[in-house]
């Protein structure tokens, strides 16, 4: 789970999209800690994909 968040952080720096991907990555970490469920993680992943379109 944390490796995916690390990939988002690295991707945000490489692409230069900035703070949005960092917030999504941090949100993924917090949801995975608090929820401990795949559903919460998938929600954050989908939110990240939607945010990347804007």
Protein backbone atom coordinates (compact mmCIF):
# COMPACT_ATOMS: atom_id res chain seq x y z
CA UNK A 1 0.00 0.00 0.00
CA UNK A 2 2.73 2.44 0.95
CA UNK A 3 4.71 1.63 -2.18
CA UNK A 4 1.78 2.86 -4.29
CA UNK A 5 1.73 6.13 -2.34
CA UNK A 6 5.47 6.47 -2.91
CA UNK A 7 4.93 5.94 -6.64
CA UNK A 8 2.30 8.70 -6.63
CA UNK A 9 4.72 11.08 -4.89
CA UNK A 10 7.53 10.27 -7.34
CA UNK A 11 5.13 10.61 -10.27
CA UNK A 12 3.93 13.98 -9.05
CA UNK A 13 7.48 15.32 -8.91
CA UNK A 14 8.39 13.87 -12.31
CA UNK A 15 5.26 15.14 -14.02
CA UNK A 16 5.26 18.47 -12.22
CA UNK A 17 1.55 18.26 -11.39
CA UNK A 18 2.39 19.53 -7.93
CA UNK A 19 0.38 19.47 -4.74
CA UNK A 20 -2.68 17.58 -6.00
CA UNK A 21 -0.96 14.20 -6.34
CA UNK A 22 0.82 14.70 -3.03
CA UNK A 23 -2.55 15.26 -1.32
CA UNK A 24 -3.94 12.14 -3.00
CA UNK A 25 -0.93 10.11 -1.87
CA UNK A 26 -1.24 11.34 1.71
CA UNK A 27 -4.96 10.65 1.62
CA UNK A 28 -4.24 7.12 0.43
CA UNK A 29 -1.89 6.58 3.38
CA UNK A 30 -4.40 7.92 5.91
CA UNK A 31 -7.28 5.89 4.49
CA UNK A 32 -5.19 2.73 4.48
CA UNK A 33 -4.23 3.34 8.10
CA UNK A 34 -7.68 4.23 9.42
CA UNK A 35 -9.86 1.97 7.29
CA UNK A 36 -7.51 -1.01 6.83
CA UNK A 37 -9.71 -2.05 3.95
CA UNK A 38 -9.37 -2.36 0.19
CA UNK A 39 -12.57 -0.37 -0.39
CA UNK A 40 -11.16 2.79 1.19
CA UNK A 41 -7.96 2.44 -0.81
CA UNK A 42 -9.88 2.00 -4.07
CA UNK A 43 -11.93 5.13 -3.33
CA UNK A 44 -8.75 7.17 -2.94
CA UNK A 45 -7.23 5.67 -6.09
CA UNK A 46 -10.33 6.56 -8.09
CA UNK A 47 -10.34 10.06 -6.59
CA UNK A 48 -6.70 10.43 -7.66
CA UNK A 49 -7.51 9.33 -11.20
CA UNK A 50 -10.40 11.79 -11.39
CA UNK A 51 -8.27 14.64 -10.04
CA UNK A 52 -5.54 13.90 -12.58
CA UNK A 53 -8.01 14.54 -15.41
CA UNK A 54 -8.53 18.15 -14.28
